[in-house]
């Protein structure tokens, strides 16, 4: 994952984490997390994280759309 730090939070401060799907690939989903300080809504950090969808036992990568269509 990739992190861009803008400002820091102090211990005890409340933060808000907003999560968006940035893109969906064949076997991966890229999430964008934005972390804000609750008191003044200042952007503290942006985190981009790629998650793979895989079958745990075989460790084979799975097609994202097929995987989630089976859950609905």
N, C-alpha and C. Protein backbone atom coordinates (compact mmCIF):
# COMPACT_ATOMS: atom_id res chain seq x y z
N UNK A 1 0.83 -1.18 0.00
CA UNK A 1 0.00 0.00 0.00
C UNK A 1 0.87 1.24 0.00
N UNK A 2 0.23 2.38 -0.30
CA UNK A 2 0.93 3.65 -0.42
C UNK A 2 0.26 4.65 0.52
N UNK A 3 1.07 5.33 1.35
CA UNK A 3 0.52 6.28 2.31
C UNK A 3 1.11 7.66 2.06
N UNK A 4 0.24 8.67 2.01
CA UNK A 4 0.66 10.07 1.93
C UNK A 4 0.22 10.74 3.23
N UNK A 5 1.19 11.12 4.06
CA UNK A 5 0.88 11.79 5.32
C UNK A 5 0.78 13.29 5.08
N UNK A 6 -0.28 13.91 5.60
CA UNK A 6 -0.48 15.36 5.47
C UNK A 6 -0.24 16.05 6.81
N UNK A 7 -0.90 15.54 7.86
CA UNK A 7 -0.78 16.08 9.21
C UNK A 7 -0.83 14.91 10.19
N UNK A 8 -0.54 15.19 11.45
CA UNK A 8 -0.59 14.11 12.44
C UNK A 8 -1.78 14.31 13.37
N UNK A 9 -2.20 13.23 13.98
CA UNK A 9 -3.24 13.27 15.01
C UNK A 9 -2.56 13.04 16.36
N UNK A 10 -3.17 13.59 17.39
CA UNK A 10 -2.65 13.39 18.74
C UNK A 10 -3.44 12.29 19.42
N UNK A 11 -2.81 11.64 20.38
CA UNK A 11 -3.47 10.57 21.13
C UNK A 11 -4.77 11.11 21.73
N UNK A 12 -5.84 10.38 21.56
CA UNK A 12 -7.13 10.77 22.11
C UNK A 12 -8.02 11.52 21.13
N UNK A 13 -7.45 12.03 20.03
CA UNK A 13 -8.28 12.71 19.04
C UNK A 13 -9.09 11.69 18.26
N UNK A 14 -10.29 12.06 17.91
CA UNK A 14 -11.12 11.19 17.09
C UNK A 14 -10.83 11.46 15.62
N UNK A 15 -10.83 10.39 14.85
CA UNK A 15 -10.61 10.53 13.41
C UNK A 15 -11.78 9.87 12.66
N UNK A 16 -11.95 10.31 11.43
CA UNK A 16 -12.96 9.74 10.54
C UNK A 16 -12.21 9.14 9.36
N UNK A 17 -12.55 7.90 9.02
CA UNK A 17 -11.93 7.22 7.89
C UNK A 17 -13.00 7.05 6.81
N UNK A 18 -12.74 7.64 5.65
CA UNK A 18 -13.63 7.50 4.50
C UNK A 18 -12.97 6.54 3.52
N UNK A 19 -13.71 5.55 3.08
CA UNK A 19 -13.17 4.53 2.19
C UNK A 19 -13.95 4.50 0.89
N UNK A 20 -13.20 4.49 -0.21
CA UNK A 20 -13.80 4.46 -1.55
C UNK A 20 -13.13 3.35 -2.35
N UNK A 21 -13.87 2.77 -3.26
CA UNK A 21 -13.24 1.86 -4.22
C UNK A 21 -12.71 2.71 -5.36
N UNK A 22 -11.40 2.66 -5.56
CA UNK A 22 -10.77 3.44 -6.63
C UNK A 22 -10.86 2.71 -7.97
N UNK A 23 -10.61 1.40 -7.94
CA UNK A 23 -10.69 0.63 -9.19
C UNK A 23 -10.89 -0.85 -8.86
N UNK A 24 -11.45 -1.55 -9.84
CA UNK A 24 -11.64 -2.99 -9.73
C UNK A 24 -10.98 -3.63 -10.93
N UNK A 25 -10.03 -4.52 -10.66
CA UNK A 25 -9.36 -5.25 -11.73
C UNK A 25 -9.93 -6.65 -11.84
N UNK A 26 -9.28 -7.49 -12.61
CA UNK A 26 -9.75 -8.87 -12.76
C UNK A 26 -9.66 -9.64 -11.45
N UNK A 27 -8.55 -9.49 -10.71
CA UNK A 27 -8.34 -10.25 -9.48
C UNK A 27 -8.06 -9.35 -8.27
N UNK A 28 -8.24 -8.04 -8.43
CA UNK A 28 -7.91 -7.14 -7.33
C UNK A 28 -8.90 -5.99 -7.23
N UNK A 29 -8.93 -5.40 -6.04
CA UNK A 29 -9.71 -4.19 -5.78
C UNK A 29 -8.75 -3.18 -5.15
N UNK A 30 -8.75 -1.95 -5.66
CA UNK A 30 -7.92 -0.90 -5.09
C UNK A 30 -8.81 0.04 -4.29
N UNK A 31 -8.50 0.18 -3.00
CA UNK A 31 -9.26 1.04 -2.10
C UNK A 31 -8.47 2.32 -1.84
N UNK A 32 -9.18 3.42 -1.68
CA UNK A 32 -8.59 4.68 -1.25
C UNK A 32 -9.22 5.02 0.10
N UNK A 33 -8.38 5.12 1.14
CA UNK A 33 -8.83 5.49 2.48
C UNK A 33 -8.33 6.91 2.75
N UNK A 34 -9.22 7.78 3.18
CA UNK A 34 -8.85 9.14 3.57
C UNK A 34 -9.15 9.29 5.06
N UNK A 35 -8.17 9.77 5.80
CA UNK A 35 -8.30 9.88 7.26
C UNK A 35 -8.35 11.36 7.63
N UNK A 36 -9.42 11.75 8.32
CA UNK A 36 -9.64 13.14 8.70
C UNK A 36 -9.71 13.26 10.22
N UNK A 37 -9.21 14.40 10.75
CA UNK A 37 -9.38 14.71 12.17
C UNK A 37 -10.82 15.20 12.34
N UNK A 38 -11.55 14.63 13.29
CA UNK A 38 -12.97 14.96 13.45
C UNK A 38 -13.19 16.42 13.86
N UNK A 39 -12.33 16.97 14.70
CA UNK A 39 -12.57 18.30 15.26
C UNK A 39 -12.53 19.42 14.23
N UNK A 40 -11.65 19.32 13.23
CA UNK A 40 -11.55 20.39 12.23
C UNK A 40 -11.61 19.89 10.78
N UNK A 41 -11.88 18.61 10.61
CA UNK A 41 -12.01 17.98 9.29
C UNK A 41 -10.73 18.09 8.45
N UNK A 42 -9.58 18.23 9.12
CA UNK A 42 -8.30 18.31 8.40
C UNK A 42 -7.93 16.93 7.86
N UNK A 43 -7.48 16.90 6.61
CA UNK A 43 -7.02 15.65 6.01
C UNK A 43 -5.68 15.28 6.64
N UNK A 44 -5.61 14.10 7.25
CA UNK A 44 -4.39 13.65 7.91
C UNK A 44 -3.56 12.74 7.01
N UNK A 45 -4.24 11.88 6.27
CA UNK A 45 -3.50 10.94 5.42
C UNK A 45 -4.41 10.36 4.35
N UNK A 46 -3.77 9.94 3.26
CA UNK A 46 -4.44 9.18 2.20
C UNK A 46 -3.71 7.85 2.08
N UNK A 47 -4.46 6.78 2.04
CA UNK A 47 -3.88 5.44 1.93
C UNK A 47 -4.50 4.74 0.73
N UNK A 48 -3.65 4.27 -0.18
CA UNK A 48 -4.13 3.47 -1.30
C UNK A 48 -3.69 2.04 -1.06
N UNK A 49 -4.66 1.13 -1.10
CA UNK A 49 -4.39 -0.26 -0.73
C UNK A 49 -5.00 -1.20 -1.77
N UNK A 50 -4.19 -2.11 -2.29
CA UNK A 50 -4.66 -3.09 -3.26
C UNK A 50 -4.89 -4.41 -2.54
N UNK A 51 -6.08 -4.96 -2.70
CA UNK A 51 -6.44 -6.24 -2.09
C UNK A 51 -6.70 -7.26 -3.20
N UNK A 52 -6.12 -8.42 -3.05
CA UNK A 52 -6.34 -9.52 -3.99
C UNK A 52 -7.44 -10.42 -3.47
N UNK A 53 -8.19 -11.02 -4.38
CA UNK A 53 -9.22 -11.98 -4.01
C UNK A 53 -8.67 -13.36 -4.34
N UNK A 54 -8.55 -14.20 -3.32
CA UNK A 54 -7.97 -15.52 -3.56
C UNK A 54 -8.68 -16.60 -2.76
N UNK A 55 -8.57 -17.81 -3.25
CA UNK A 55 -9.08 -18.99 -2.55
C UNK A 55 -8.00 -19.38 -1.54
N UNK A 56 -8.37 -19.46 -0.28
CA UNK A 56 -7.38 -19.62 0.78
C UNK A 56 -6.60 -20.92 0.72
N UNK A 57 -7.26 -22.02 0.48
CA UNK A 57 -6.55 -23.31 0.49
C UNK A 57 -5.57 -23.43 -0.68
N UNK A 58 -6.04 -23.13 -1.88
CA UNK A 58 -5.18 -23.31 -3.06
C UNK A 58 -4.29 -22.09 -3.33
N UNK A 59 -4.67 -20.95 -2.74
CA UNK A 59 -3.99 -19.68 -2.96
C UNK A 59 -4.09 -19.21 -4.42
N UNK A 60 -5.09 -19.71 -5.14
CA UNK A 60 -5.35 -19.27 -6.50
C UNK A 60 -6.10 -17.95 -6.47
N UNK A 61 -5.70 -17.02 -7.35
CA UNK A 61 -6.42 -15.76 -7.46
C UNK A 61 -7.76 -16.00 -8.12
N UNK A 62 -8.77 -15.27 -7.65
CA UNK A 62 -10.13 -15.42 -8.17
C UNK A 62 -10.55 -14.16 -8.90
N UNK A 63 -11.46 -14.31 -9.84
CA UNK A 63 -12.03 -13.17 -10.55
C UNK A 63 -12.95 -12.42 -9.59
N UNK A 64 -12.73 -11.12 -9.44
CA UNK A 64 -13.46 -10.31 -8.48
C UNK A 64 -14.97 -10.34 -8.75
N UNK A 65 -15.37 -10.09 -9.99
CA UNK A 65 -16.79 -10.02 -10.30
C UNK A 65 -17.48 -11.37 -10.09
N UNK A 66 -16.83 -12.46 -10.48
CA UNK A 66 -17.42 -13.78 -10.27
C UNK A 66 -17.53 -14.09 -8.78
N UNK A 67 -16.50 -13.74 -8.01
CA UNK A 67 -16.50 -14.00 -6.57
C UNK A 67 -17.67 -13.30 -5.89
N UNK A 68 -17.84 -11.99 -6.15
CA UNK A 68 -18.89 -11.24 -5.48
C UNK A 68 -20.27 -11.56 -6.02
N UNK A 69 -20.40 -11.95 -7.27
CA UNK A 69 -21.72 -12.30 -7.81
C UNK A 69 -22.26 -13.56 -7.14
N UNK A 70 -21.38 -14.44 -6.66
CA UNK A 70 -21.82 -15.64 -5.95
C UNK A 70 -22.35 -15.31 -4.55
N UNK A 71 -21.96 -14.17 -4.00
CA UNK A 71 -22.38 -13.80 -2.65
C UNK A 71 -23.74 -13.12 -2.61
N UNK A 72 -24.21 -12.64 -3.75
CA UNK A 72 -25.46 -11.88 -3.79
C UNK A 72 -26.64 -12.78 -4.01
